[in-house]
Amino acid sequence: MLFVFLLKGIAVGFVIALPVGPVGVLCVRRTIFEGRWSGFLSGLGAASADTVFGMIAGFGLTVVADLLFKYQDWLRAGGGIFLIYLGVTALMKGGERTKASDESAESLFRAYASTFVLTITNPVTILAFLGIFAAVGFTGAEATIGRAGMLVAGVLLGSLVWWLGLALGTGLCRKSFREIHLVWLNRISGTLLALSGAGLIISLLYDRLT
C-alpha cells in the first residue's frame, strides 16, 4: 500500500514540475550556456522547494503554511525583482558559453539556490498540492504519517525525473547552437524572465490596489 502512495507521489511531482515557466526557461538556458550539471541543479532547486510545499501539505504543517501565506506578498515581490534581475543579466550577455572547467562548486550552488528561492516565493503551490493530494485519495483515514512520507518522497522523485530529462534532452543539442543562436537565446530568455518578473510585480500591485 505504501508503494502505491510512492507511485502517486511520483505522478504528482511530475505534474507539478511539468508546466514550463521561468524556472524551466532558466534550466534550459543554463544547460545550453553552462552545461548539464548547472541545468540539472537548477531543476533540483525547484524540485526541493516543491518537496517542501509537499511536506507542508502532506504532513499538515499549518503553522508553516500560515507563515508563508502571511508574507506571500513580500515573497512574490522578491521573486518578481529577482526574475527581472536575471532577465536583465541575460539580456546584457552575448553568445559566450561557460567552459566546463569554470563550473565551480560555488556556481553550481548558486544555480541550485536561485531556483529554490524563486520556487519557494510562490506559496500558493501549497494549495495546488492540497487539491492534488485530495484527488489521488490522500484524505481522511488515508492520511497517515507513513503514507505522507511516501507521497512526499514520490513528489521529489517525480519532479527530479522531469528536470533530469529536461537537462539531458537540452544537453543533447547544446553543441548545435552557433554564436548567433546563443545571442538570440539570451535575448529571448532574458525578455521572458524580465516580463515574468514584471508580471508578478504588476499582479501584486493590482491585488493591493483593488
N, C-alpha and C. Protein backbone atom coordinates (compact mmCIF):
# COMPACT_ATOMS: atom_id res chain seq x y z
N MET A 1 0.83 -1.21 0.00
CA MET A 1 0.00 0.00 0.00
C MET A 1 0.86 1.25 0.00
N LEU A 2 1.97 1.24 0.76
CA LEU A 2 2.86 2.39 0.80
C LEU A 2 3.47 2.64 -0.57
N PHE A 3 3.76 1.54 -1.29
CA PHE A 3 4.35 1.68 -2.62
C PHE A 3 3.39 2.39 -3.57
N VAL A 4 2.11 2.15 -3.39
CA VAL A 4 1.10 2.82 -4.22
C VAL A 4 1.17 4.33 -4.00
N PHE A 5 1.34 4.75 -2.75
CA PHE A 5 1.43 6.18 -2.46
C PHE A 5 2.73 6.77 -3.00
N LEU A 6 3.80 5.97 -3.04
CA LEU A 6 5.03 6.43 -3.67
C LEU A 6 4.81 6.70 -5.15
N LEU A 7 4.11 5.79 -5.82
CA LEU A 7 3.81 5.97 -7.24
C LEU A 7 2.92 7.19 -7.46
N LYS A 8 1.94 7.36 -6.57
CA LYS A 8 1.08 8.53 -6.68
C LYS A 8 1.89 9.81 -6.51
N GLY A 9 2.83 9.80 -5.57
CA GLY A 9 3.68 10.96 -5.34
C GLY A 9 4.54 11.28 -6.54
N ILE A 10 5.07 10.23 -7.20
CA ILE A 10 5.88 10.43 -8.40
C ILE A 10 5.06 11.12 -9.49
N ALA A 11 3.82 10.66 -9.64
CA ALA A 11 2.93 11.27 -10.64
C ALA A 11 2.64 12.73 -10.29
N VAL A 12 2.39 13.01 -9.01
CA VAL A 12 2.11 14.37 -8.56
C VAL A 12 3.31 15.27 -8.80
N GLY A 13 4.51 14.79 -8.42
CA GLY A 13 5.72 15.58 -8.60
C GLY A 13 5.99 15.90 -10.05
N PHE A 14 5.73 14.94 -10.93
CA PHE A 14 5.95 15.15 -12.36
C PHE A 14 4.97 16.19 -12.90
N VAL A 15 3.70 16.08 -12.48
CA VAL A 15 2.67 17.01 -12.95
C VAL A 15 2.95 18.43 -12.45
N ILE A 16 3.38 18.56 -11.19
CA ILE A 16 3.66 19.88 -10.63
C ILE A 16 4.84 20.54 -11.37
N ALA A 17 5.85 19.74 -11.72
CA ALA A 17 7.06 20.28 -12.36
C ALA A 17 6.87 20.55 -13.84
N LEU A 18 5.88 19.90 -14.45
CA LEU A 18 5.73 19.90 -15.91
C LEU A 18 5.50 21.26 -16.55
N PRO A 19 4.65 22.14 -16.01
CA PRO A 19 4.41 23.41 -16.69
C PRO A 19 5.71 24.19 -16.91
N VAL A 20 5.87 24.72 -18.11
CA VAL A 20 7.09 25.46 -18.45
C VAL A 20 6.92 26.91 -18.03
N GLY A 21 7.64 27.31 -16.99
CA GLY A 21 7.59 28.68 -16.51
C GLY A 21 8.99 29.26 -16.46
N PRO A 22 9.21 30.30 -15.64
CA PRO A 22 10.53 30.92 -15.54
C PRO A 22 11.63 29.95 -15.14
N VAL A 23 11.33 29.03 -14.23
CA VAL A 23 12.35 28.06 -13.81
C VAL A 23 12.73 27.14 -14.98
N GLY A 24 11.74 26.75 -15.79
CA GLY A 24 12.03 25.94 -16.96
C GLY A 24 12.92 26.68 -17.95
N VAL A 25 12.64 27.97 -18.14
CA VAL A 25 13.47 28.80 -19.02
C VAL A 25 14.90 28.86 -18.49
N LEU A 26 15.04 29.05 -17.17
CA LEU A 26 16.36 29.10 -16.55
C LEU A 26 17.10 27.78 -16.73
N CYS A 27 16.40 26.68 -16.53
CA CYS A 27 17.01 25.36 -16.65
C CYS A 27 17.54 25.13 -18.06
N VAL A 28 16.73 25.45 -19.07
CA VAL A 28 17.16 25.28 -20.46
C VAL A 28 18.33 26.20 -20.78
N ARG A 29 18.21 27.46 -20.38
CA ARG A 29 19.27 28.43 -20.67
C ARG A 29 20.60 28.02 -20.04
N ARG A 30 20.54 27.64 -18.77
CA ARG A 30 21.78 27.28 -18.08
C ARG A 30 22.39 25.99 -18.63
N THR A 31 21.54 25.06 -19.07
CA THR A 31 22.07 23.84 -19.67
C THR A 31 22.85 24.17 -20.93
N ILE A 32 22.32 25.06 -21.74
CA ILE A 32 22.96 25.41 -23.01
C ILE A 32 24.23 26.23 -22.79
N PHE A 33 24.17 27.18 -21.86
CA PHE A 33 25.31 28.08 -21.67
C PHE A 33 26.33 27.55 -20.67
N GLU A 34 25.88 26.81 -19.66
CA GLU A 34 26.77 26.43 -18.57
C GLU A 34 26.97 24.93 -18.41
N GLY A 35 26.18 24.12 -19.09
CA GLY A 35 26.35 22.68 -19.02
C GLY A 35 25.21 21.96 -18.33
N ARG A 36 25.21 20.62 -18.48
CA ARG A 36 24.10 19.82 -17.94
C ARG A 36 23.99 19.91 -16.43
N TRP A 37 25.12 19.94 -15.73
CA TRP A 37 25.07 19.97 -14.27
C TRP A 37 24.39 21.24 -13.76
N SER A 38 24.72 22.36 -14.39
CA SER A 38 24.10 23.62 -13.99
C SER A 38 22.59 23.59 -14.26
N GLY A 39 22.21 23.04 -15.41
CA GLY A 39 20.78 22.94 -15.73
C GLY A 39 20.05 22.00 -14.79
N PHE A 40 20.67 20.85 -14.51
CA PHE A 40 20.01 19.89 -13.63
C PHE A 40 19.89 20.42 -12.21
N LEU A 41 20.95 21.07 -11.70
CA LEU A 41 20.89 21.60 -10.34
C LEU A 41 19.89 22.76 -10.23
N SER A 42 19.69 23.47 -11.34
CA SER A 42 18.63 24.48 -11.35
C SER A 42 17.28 23.81 -11.16
N GLY A 43 17.08 22.70 -11.86
CA GLY A 43 15.85 21.93 -11.68
C GLY A 43 15.74 21.33 -10.30
N LEU A 44 16.87 20.88 -9.74
CA LEU A 44 16.87 20.29 -8.41
C LEU A 44 16.45 21.32 -7.36
N GLY A 45 16.84 22.58 -7.57
CA GLY A 45 16.42 23.63 -6.63
C GLY A 45 14.91 23.77 -6.62
N ALA A 46 14.31 23.75 -7.82
CA ALA A 46 12.85 23.84 -7.90
C ALA A 46 12.19 22.60 -7.30
N ALA A 47 12.78 21.42 -7.55
CA ALA A 47 12.23 20.18 -7.01
C ALA A 47 12.29 20.18 -5.48
N SER A 48 13.36 20.74 -4.93
CA SER A 48 13.49 20.80 -3.47
C SER A 48 12.41 21.69 -2.86
N ALA A 49 12.16 22.84 -3.51
CA ALA A 49 11.14 23.74 -3.00
C ALA A 49 9.75 23.10 -3.11
N ASP A 50 9.51 22.42 -4.22
CA ASP A 50 8.22 21.73 -4.38
C ASP A 50 8.05 20.64 -3.31
N THR A 51 9.15 19.99 -2.97
CA THR A 51 9.10 18.96 -1.92
C THR A 51 8.77 19.57 -0.57
N VAL A 52 9.31 20.76 -0.30
CA VAL A 52 8.97 21.47 0.93
C VAL A 52 7.47 21.76 0.97
N PHE A 53 6.94 22.24 -0.15
CA PHE A 53 5.49 22.50 -0.22
C PHE A 53 4.70 21.21 -0.04
N GLY A 54 5.21 20.12 -0.64
CA GLY A 54 4.55 18.83 -0.50
C GLY A 54 4.53 18.36 0.94
N MET A 55 5.64 18.59 1.66
CA MET A 55 5.71 18.22 3.08
C MET A 55 4.72 19.03 3.90
N ILE A 56 4.61 20.33 3.61
CA ILE A 56 3.67 21.18 4.34
C ILE A 56 2.25 20.69 4.14
N ALA A 57 1.91 20.35 2.87
CA ALA A 57 0.56 19.88 2.57
C ALA A 57 0.33 18.47 3.10
N GLY A 58 1.31 17.59 2.90
CA GLY A 58 1.14 16.19 3.28
C GLY A 58 1.11 15.95 4.78
N PHE A 59 1.95 16.69 5.51
CA PHE A 59 2.02 16.49 6.95
C PHE A 59 1.15 17.48 7.72
N GLY A 60 0.42 18.31 7.00
CA GLY A 60 -0.49 19.25 7.67
C GLY A 60 0.22 20.28 8.52
N LEU A 61 1.34 20.81 8.03
CA LEU A 61 2.11 21.81 8.78
C LEU A 61 1.47 23.19 8.60
N THR A 62 0.34 23.37 9.22
CA THR A 62 -0.45 24.59 9.02
C THR A 62 0.27 25.84 9.55
N VAL A 63 1.09 25.67 10.58
CA VAL A 63 1.81 26.83 11.14
C VAL A 63 2.76 27.40 10.10
N VAL A 64 3.50 26.50 9.42
CA VAL A 64 4.44 26.94 8.38
C VAL A 64 3.67 27.53 7.20
N ALA A 65 2.58 26.85 6.82
CA ALA A 65 1.77 27.35 5.69
C ALA A 65 1.22 28.74 6.00
N ASP A 66 0.70 28.94 7.20
CA ASP A 66 0.15 30.24 7.58
C ASP A 66 1.22 31.32 7.55
N LEU A 67 2.44 30.96 7.96
CA LEU A 67 3.54 31.92 7.96
C LEU A 67 3.90 32.34 6.53
N LEU A 68 3.95 31.36 5.63
CA LEU A 68 4.26 31.67 4.23
C LEU A 68 3.17 32.51 3.59
N PHE A 69 1.91 32.17 3.86
CA PHE A 69 0.80 32.94 3.31
C PHE A 69 0.76 34.36 3.88
N LYS A 70 1.17 34.50 5.14
CA LYS A 70 1.19 35.82 5.77
C LYS A 70 2.13 36.77 5.04
N TYR A 71 3.26 36.23 4.59
CA TYR A 71 4.27 37.06 3.93
C TYR A 71 4.33 36.81 2.43
N GLN A 72 3.27 36.26 1.85
CA GLN A 72 3.32 35.91 0.44
C GLN A 72 3.49 37.13 -0.47
N ASP A 73 2.96 38.28 -0.07
CA ASP A 73 3.12 39.48 -0.90
C ASP A 73 4.60 39.88 -0.98
N TRP A 74 5.28 39.82 0.15
CA TRP A 74 6.71 40.13 0.17
C TRP A 74 7.49 39.09 -0.63
N LEU A 75 7.09 37.84 -0.50
CA LEU A 75 7.77 36.77 -1.24
C LEU A 75 7.58 36.95 -2.74
N ARG A 76 6.36 37.27 -3.15
CA ARG A 76 6.08 37.49 -4.57
C ARG A 76 6.86 38.69 -5.10
N ALA A 77 6.93 39.76 -4.32
CA ALA A 77 7.68 40.94 -4.74
C ALA A 77 9.16 40.62 -4.90
N GLY A 78 9.69 39.87 -3.92
CA GLY A 78 11.10 39.48 -4.01
C GLY A 78 11.36 38.60 -5.21
N GLY A 79 10.45 37.64 -5.47
CA GLY A 79 10.59 36.77 -6.63
C GLY A 79 10.52 37.54 -7.93
N GLY A 80 9.62 38.53 -8.01
CA GLY A 80 9.50 39.34 -9.21
C GLY A 80 10.75 40.16 -9.49
N ILE A 81 11.28 40.78 -8.44
CA ILE A 81 12.50 41.58 -8.59
C ILE A 81 13.67 40.69 -9.01
N PHE A 82 13.77 39.51 -8.43
CA PHE A 82 14.85 38.58 -8.76
C PHE A 82 14.75 38.14 -10.21
N LEU A 83 13.53 37.88 -10.69
CA LEU A 83 13.35 37.48 -12.09
C LEU A 83 13.74 38.61 -13.04
N ILE A 84 13.39 39.83 -12.69
CA ILE A 84 13.79 40.96 -13.52
C ILE A 84 15.31 41.07 -13.58
N TYR A 85 15.95 40.87 -12.43
CA TYR A 85 17.42 40.92 -12.39
C TYR A 85 18.03 39.83 -13.28
N LEU A 86 17.50 38.62 -13.19
CA LEU A 86 18.02 37.53 -14.01
C LEU A 86 17.79 37.81 -15.49
N GLY A 87 16.62 38.37 -15.81
CA GLY A 87 16.32 38.69 -17.19
C GLY A 87 17.24 39.75 -17.76
N VAL A 88 17.44 40.82 -17.01
CA VAL A 88 18.31 41.91 -17.46
C VAL A 88 19.75 41.40 -17.60
N THR A 89 20.18 40.55 -16.67
CA THR A 89 21.53 39.98 -16.74
C THR A 89 21.70 39.17 -18.02
N ALA A 90 20.69 38.38 -18.36
CA ALA A 90 20.76 37.57 -19.59
C ALA A 90 20.78 38.46 -20.84
N LEU A 91 20.00 39.53 -20.82
CA LEU A 91 19.95 40.43 -21.97
C LEU A 91 21.28 41.13 -22.20
N MET A 92 22.06 41.31 -21.16
CA MET A 92 23.33 42.00 -21.27
C MET A 92 24.46 41.10 -21.74
N LYS A 93 24.21 39.80 -21.78
CA LYS A 93 25.24 38.86 -22.19
C LYS A 93 25.24 38.65 -23.69
N GLY A 94 26.36 38.18 -24.22
CA GLY A 94 26.46 37.88 -25.64
C GLY A 94 26.22 36.41 -25.90
N GLY A 95 27.06 35.80 -26.71
CA GLY A 95 26.88 34.40 -27.06
C GLY A 95 27.95 33.49 -26.50
N GLU A 96 28.61 33.95 -25.42
CA GLU A 96 29.67 33.15 -24.85
C GLU A 96 29.13 32.07 -23.92
N ARG A 97 29.80 30.91 -23.96
CA ARG A 97 29.44 29.80 -23.07
C ARG A 97 30.42 29.73 -21.91
N THR A 98 29.97 29.11 -20.82
CA THR A 98 30.85 28.82 -19.70
C THR A 98 31.61 27.53 -19.99
N LYS A 99 32.92 27.57 -19.83
CA LYS A 99 33.72 26.36 -20.05
C LYS A 99 33.49 25.37 -18.92
N ALA A 100 33.63 24.09 -19.23
CA ALA A 100 33.41 23.05 -18.21
C ALA A 100 34.33 23.25 -17.01
N SER A 101 35.54 23.76 -17.28
CA SER A 101 36.50 23.96 -16.19
C SER A 101 36.09 25.10 -15.26
N ASP A 102 35.17 25.96 -15.75
CA ASP A 102 34.72 27.10 -14.94
C ASP A 102 33.51 26.77 -14.07
N GLU A 103 33.00 25.53 -14.18
CA GLU A 103 31.84 25.11 -13.37
C GLU A 103 32.30 24.76 -11.96
N SER A 104 32.46 25.79 -11.15
CA SER A 104 32.90 25.59 -9.78
C SER A 104 31.74 25.15 -8.90
N ALA A 105 32.09 24.64 -7.72
CA ALA A 105 31.04 24.24 -6.77
C ALA A 105 30.19 25.44 -6.38
N GLU A 106 30.82 26.61 -6.32
CA GLU A 106 30.09 27.83 -5.94
C GLU A 106 29.05 28.20 -7.00
N SER A 107 29.42 28.12 -8.28
CA SER A 107 28.48 28.47 -9.34
C SER A 107 27.34 27.46 -9.42
N LEU A 108 27.65 26.19 -9.18
CA LEU A 108 26.61 25.16 -9.19
C LEU A 108 25.65 25.35 -8.02
N PHE A 109 26.20 25.74 -6.88
CA PHE A 109 25.34 26.01 -5.72
C PHE A 109 24.43 27.20 -5.99
N ARG A 110 24.97 28.23 -6.65
CA ARG A 110 24.13 29.40 -6.99
C ARG A 110 23.00 29.01 -7.92
N ALA A 111 23.29 28.10 -8.86
CA ALA A 111 22.25 27.63 -9.77
C ALA A 111 21.14 26.95 -8.99
N TYR A 112 21.51 26.11 -8.02
CA TYR A 112 20.53 25.41 -7.18
C TYR A 112 19.75 26.40 -6.31
N ALA A 113 20.49 27.28 -5.63
CA ALA A 113 19.87 28.18 -4.65
C ALA A 113 18.91 29.16 -5.33
N SER A 114 19.28 29.64 -6.52
CA SER A 114 18.45 30.65 -7.18
C SER A 114 17.07 30.11 -7.53
N THR A 115 16.99 28.88 -8.06
CA THR A 115 15.69 28.33 -8.42
C THR A 115 14.91 27.86 -7.19
N PHE A 116 15.62 27.46 -6.15
CA PHE A 116 14.93 27.13 -4.89
C PHE A 116 14.23 28.37 -4.36
N VAL A 117 14.95 29.49 -4.34
CA VAL A 117 14.38 30.74 -3.84
C VAL A 117 13.20 31.18 -4.70
N LEU A 118 13.36 31.11 -6.03
CA LEU A 118 12.28 31.51 -6.93
C LEU A 118 11.02 30.69 -6.71
N THR A 119 11.20 29.38 -6.53
CA THR A 119 10.04 28.50 -6.37
C THR A 119 9.39 28.68 -5.01
N ILE A 120 10.19 28.89 -3.98
CA ILE A 120 9.65 28.99 -2.62
C ILE A 120 8.91 30.31 -2.43
N THR A 121 9.10 31.28 -3.33
CA THR A 121 8.38 32.56 -3.21
C THR A 121 6.94 32.46 -3.71
N ASN A 122 6.51 31.27 -4.09
CA ASN A 122 5.13 31.08 -4.56
C ASN A 122 4.39 30.07 -3.68
N PRO A 123 4.06 30.47 -2.45
CA PRO A 123 3.43 29.53 -1.51
C PRO A 123 2.04 29.05 -1.93
N VAL A 124 1.45 29.70 -2.95
CA VAL A 124 0.14 29.25 -3.44
C VAL A 124 0.23 27.81 -3.93
N THR A 125 1.43 27.36 -4.27
CA THR A 125 1.63 25.97 -4.70
C THR A 125 1.14 24.99 -3.64
N ILE A 126 1.18 25.40 -2.38
CA ILE A 126 0.68 24.53 -1.30
C ILE A 126 -0.78 24.17 -1.55
N LEU A 127 -1.56 25.14 -1.99
CA LEU A 127 -2.97 24.88 -2.27
C LEU A 127 -3.12 23.89 -3.42
N ALA A 128 -2.23 24.00 -4.41
CA ALA A 128 -2.27 23.05 -5.53
C ALA A 128 -1.99 21.64 -5.03
N PHE A 129 -1.01 21.52 -4.12
CA PHE A 129 -0.70 20.20 -3.56
C PHE A 129 -1.88 19.64 -2.77
N LEU A 130 -2.53 20.49 -1.98
CA LEU A 130 -3.68 20.03 -1.20
C LEU A 130 -4.77 19.49 -2.12
N GLY A 131 -5.02 20.21 -3.21
CA GLY A 131 -6.04 19.77 -4.15
C GLY A 131 -5.67 18.47 -4.84
N ILE A 132 -4.41 18.36 -5.28
CA ILE A 132 -3.98 17.15 -5.98
C ILE A 132 -3.92 15.96 -5.03
N PHE A 133 -3.43 16.19 -3.82
CA PHE A 133 -3.39 15.10 -2.83
C PHE A 133 -4.79 14.56 -2.56
N ALA A 134 -5.76 15.47 -2.46
CA ALA A 134 -7.14 15.03 -2.25
C ALA A 134 -7.64 14.24 -3.46
N ALA A 135 -7.23 14.65 -4.65
CA ALA A 135 -7.68 13.98 -5.88
C ALA A 135 -7.12 12.56 -5.99
N VAL A 136 -5.92 12.33 -5.43
CA VAL A 136 -5.32 10.99 -5.51
C VAL A 136 -5.69 10.12 -4.30
N GLY A 137 -6.59 10.62 -3.45
CA GLY A 137 -7.10 9.80 -2.36
C GLY A 137 -6.40 9.96 -1.04
N PHE A 138 -5.59 11.02 -0.90
CA PHE A 138 -4.88 11.22 0.36
C PHE A 138 -5.70 12.13 1.26
N THR A 139 -6.76 11.57 1.82
CA THR A 139 -7.64 12.31 2.73
C THR A 139 -8.15 11.37 3.81
N GLY A 140 -8.63 11.95 4.89
CA GLY A 140 -9.27 11.16 5.95
C GLY A 140 -8.36 10.08 6.51
N ALA A 141 -8.87 8.84 6.53
CA ALA A 141 -8.13 7.71 7.10
C ALA A 141 -6.88 7.38 6.30
N GLU A 142 -6.83 7.79 5.04
CA GLU A 142 -5.66 7.51 4.20
C GLU A 142 -4.47 8.37 4.60
N ALA A 143 -4.71 9.48 5.28
CA ALA A 143 -3.65 10.45 5.56
C ALA A 143 -2.87 10.09 6.81
N THR A 144 -2.08 9.03 6.74
CA THR A 144 -1.20 8.64 7.85
C THR A 144 0.20 9.22 7.60
N ILE A 145 1.02 9.22 8.65
CA ILE A 145 2.37 9.78 8.54
C ILE A 145 3.21 8.98 7.55
N GLY A 146 3.10 7.65 7.62
CA GLY A 146 3.88 6.81 6.71
C GLY A 146 3.51 7.05 5.26
N ARG A 147 2.23 7.15 4.99
CA ARG A 147 1.78 7.39 3.61
C ARG A 147 2.16 8.79 3.16
N ALA A 148 2.09 9.75 4.08
CA ALA A 148 2.50 11.11 3.74
C ALA A 148 3.98 11.14 3.37
N GLY A 149 4.79 10.39 4.13
CA GLY A 149 6.23 10.33 3.84
C GLY A 149 6.50 9.74 2.47
N MET A 150 5.80 8.67 2.12
CA MET A 150 5.99 8.04 0.80
C MET A 150 5.50 8.97 -0.31
N LEU A 151 4.41 9.68 -0.05
CA LEU A 151 3.86 10.60 -1.05
C LEU A 151 4.85 11.73 -1.32
N VAL A 152 5.42 12.28 -0.26
CA VAL A 152 6.38 13.38 -0.41
C VAL A 152 7.65 12.90 -1.10
N ALA A 153 8.12 11.69 -0.74
CA ALA A 153 9.30 11.13 -1.40
C ALA A 153 9.04 10.94 -2.89
N GLY A 154 7.82 10.53 -3.22
CA GLY A 154 7.44 10.38 -4.62
C GLY A 154 7.41 11.71 -5.35
N VAL A 155 6.96 12.76 -4.66
CA VAL A 155 6.94 14.11 -5.26
C VAL A 155 8.35 14.51 -5.68
N LEU A 156 9.32 14.28 -4.79
CA LEU A 156 10.71 14.61 -5.11
C LEU A 156 11.21 13.81 -6.30
N LEU A 157 10.94 12.51 -6.30
CA LEU A 157 11.40 11.65 -7.40
C LEU A 157 10.75 12.05 -8.72
N GLY A 158 9.44 12.29 -8.70
CA GLY A 158 8.74 12.66 -9.92
C GLY A 158 9.24 13.97 -10.48
N SER A 159 9.48 14.94 -9.62
CA SER A 159 9.99 16.23 -10.05
C SER A 159 11.40 16.08 -10.62
N LEU A 160 12.21 15.26 -9.97
CA LEU A 160 13.58 15.04 -10.45
C LEU A 160 13.60 14.38 -11.82
N VAL A 161 12.67 13.45 -12.06
CA VAL A 161 12.60 12.79 -13.37
C VAL A 161 12.39 13.83 -14.47
N TRP A 162 11.48 14.78 -14.23
CA TRP A 162 11.22 15.80 -15.22
C TRP A 162 12.44 16.69 -15.45
N TRP A 163 13.05 17.20 -14.36
CA TRP A 163 14.17 18.12 -14.52
C TRP A 163 15.40 17.43 -15.09
N LEU A 164 15.62 16.18 -14.71
CA LEU A 164 16.75 15.44 -15.28
C LEU A 164 16.53 15.22 -16.77
N GLY A 165 15.32 14.84 -17.15
CA GLY A 165 15.01 14.64 -18.56
C GLY A 165 15.17 15.93 -19.36
N LEU A 166 14.73 17.06 -18.79
CA LEU A 166 14.85 18.34 -19.48
C LEU A 166 16.30 18.74 -19.67
N ALA A 167 17.12 18.56 -18.61
CA ALA A 167 18.54 18.92 -18.70
C ALA A 167 19.28 18.02 -19.69
N LEU A 168 19.03 16.72 -19.62
CA LEU A 168 19.70 15.79 -20.54
C LEU A 168 19.25 16.01 -21.98
N GLY A 169 17.95 16.21 -22.16
CA GLY A 169 17.43 16.43 -23.50
C GLY A 169 17.98 17.70 -24.13
N THR A 170 18.02 18.77 -23.33
CA THR A 170 18.58 20.03 -23.84
C THR A 170 20.07 19.90 -24.10
N GLY A 171 20.75 19.15 -23.20
CA GLY A 171 22.19 18.97 -23.35
C GLY A 171 22.58 18.25 -24.63
N LEU A 172 21.70 17.42 -25.15
CA LEU A 172 22.00 16.67 -26.38
C LEU A 172 22.18 17.59 -27.59
N CYS A 173 21.45 18.70 -27.59
CA CYS A 173 21.56 19.63 -28.73
C CYS A 173 22.36 20.88 -28.38
N ARG A 174 23.06 20.85 -27.24
CA ARG A 174 23.80 22.04 -26.78
C ARG A 174 24.84 22.50 -27.78
N LYS A 175 25.60 21.57 -28.37
CA LYS A 175 26.70 21.94 -29.25
C LYS A 175 26.24 22.35 -30.65
N SER A 176 24.97 22.16 -30.93
CA SER A 176 24.46 22.52 -32.26
C SER A 176 24.14 24.01 -32.37
N PHE A 177 24.16 24.73 -31.25
CA PHE A 177 23.88 26.16 -31.26
C PHE A 177 25.12 26.95 -31.65
N ARG A 178 24.98 27.82 -32.64
CA ARG A 178 26.07 28.71 -33.02
C ARG A 178 25.99 30.00 -32.21
N GLU A 179 27.00 30.85 -32.37
CA GLU A 179 27.06 32.06 -31.54
C GLU A 179 25.85 32.95 -31.75
N ILE A 180 25.41 33.11 -32.99
CA ILE A 180 24.26 33.97 -33.26
C ILE A 180 23.00 33.40 -32.61
N HIS A 181 22.91 32.06 -32.57
CA HIS A 181 21.76 31.43 -31.90
C HIS A 181 21.80 31.72 -30.40
N LEU A 182 23.01 31.68 -29.83
CA LEU A 182 23.16 31.92 -28.40
C LEU A 182 22.82 33.36 -28.03
N VAL A 183 23.20 34.28 -28.92
CA VAL A 183 22.86 35.68 -28.68
C VAL A 183 21.34 35.86 -28.62
N TRP A 184 20.65 35.27 -29.59
CA TRP A 184 19.19 35.36 -29.62
C TRP A 184 18.54 34.61 -28.47
N LEU A 185 19.17 33.51 -28.06
CA LEU A 185 18.65 32.76 -26.91
C LEU A 185 18.70 33.62 -25.65
N ASN A 186 19.80 34.36 -25.48
CA ASN A 186 19.90 35.27 -24.34
C ASN A 186 18.83 36.35 -24.41
N ARG A 187 18.61 36.87 -25.60
CA ARG A 187 17.61 37.93 -25.76
C ARG A 187 16.20 37.42 -25.45
N ILE A 188 15.89 36.25 -25.98
CA ILE A 188 14.55 35.70 -25.79
C ILE A 188 14.32 35.28 -24.34
N SER A 189 15.28 34.52 -23.79
CA SER A 189 15.13 34.06 -22.41
C SER A 189 15.16 35.22 -21.43
N GLY A 190 16.03 36.21 -21.69
CA GLY A 190 16.09 37.38 -20.82
C GLY A 190 14.79 38.16 -20.83
N THR A 191 14.21 38.30 -22.02
CA THR A 191 12.93 39.01 -22.14
C THR A 191 11.82 38.27 -21.39
N LEU A 192 11.78 36.94 -21.56
CA LEU A 192 10.75 36.14 -20.89
C LEU A 192 10.88 36.23 -19.37
N LEU A 193 12.12 36.16 -18.88
CA LEU A 193 12.34 36.23 -17.43
C LEU A 193 11.96 37.61 -16.89
N ALA A 194 12.38 38.67 -17.59
CA ALA A 194 12.07 40.02 -17.14
C ALA A 194 10.57 40.29 -17.18
N LEU A 195 9.90 39.83 -18.23
CA LEU A 195 8.45 40.02 -18.33
C LEU A 195 7.72 39.23 -17.24
N SER A 196 8.22 38.03 -16.93
CA SER A 196 7.61 37.23 -15.86
C SER A 196 7.72 37.96 -14.53
N GLY A 197 8.90 38.55 -14.28
CA GLY A 197 9.08 39.31 -13.04
C GLY A 197 8.20 40.54 -13.00
N ALA A 198 8.13 41.26 -14.12
CA ALA A 198 7.28 42.44 -14.18
C ALA A 198 5.81 42.06 -13.99
N GLY A 199 5.42 40.93 -14.58
CA GLY A 199 4.05 40.46 -14.42
C GLY A 199 3.70 40.18 -12.96
N LEU A 200 4.65 39.59 -12.24
CA LEU A 200 4.43 39.33 -10.81
C LEU A 200 4.25 40.62 -10.03
N ILE A 201 5.10 41.60 -10.31
CA ILE A 201 5.01 42.88 -9.61
C ILE A 201 3.69 43.57 -9.92
N ILE A 202 3.31 43.58 -11.20
CA ILE A 202 2.07 44.24 -11.61
C ILE A 202 0.85 43.56 -10.98
N SER A 203 0.84 42.21 -10.97
CA SER A 203 -0.29 41.50 -10.37
C SER A 203 -0.37 41.76 -8.88
N LEU A 204 0.79 41.90 -8.24
CA LEU A 204 0.81 42.20 -6.81
C LEU A 204 0.25 43.57 -6.54
N LEU A 205 0.67 44.57 -7.34
CA LEU A 205 0.17 45.93 -7.17
C LEU A 205 -1.34 45.99 -7.44
N TYR A 206 -1.78 45.25 -8.46
CA TYR A 206 -3.21 45.23 -8.78
C TYR A 206 -4.02 44.65 -7.62
N ASP A 207 -3.50 43.55 -7.02
CA ASP A 207 -4.20 42.93 -5.91
C ASP A 207 -4.28 43.87 -4.70
N ARG A 208 -3.22 44.66 -4.52
CA ARG A 208 -3.18 45.54 -3.36
C ARG A 208 -4.06 46.77 -3.55
N LEU A 209 -4.24 47.18 -4.80
CA LEU A 209 -4.99 48.40 -5.07
C LEU A 209 -6.46 48.18 -5.33
N THR A 210 -6.87 46.90 -5.45
CA THR A 210 -8.28 46.61 -5.75
C THR A 210 -8.93 45.88 -4.58
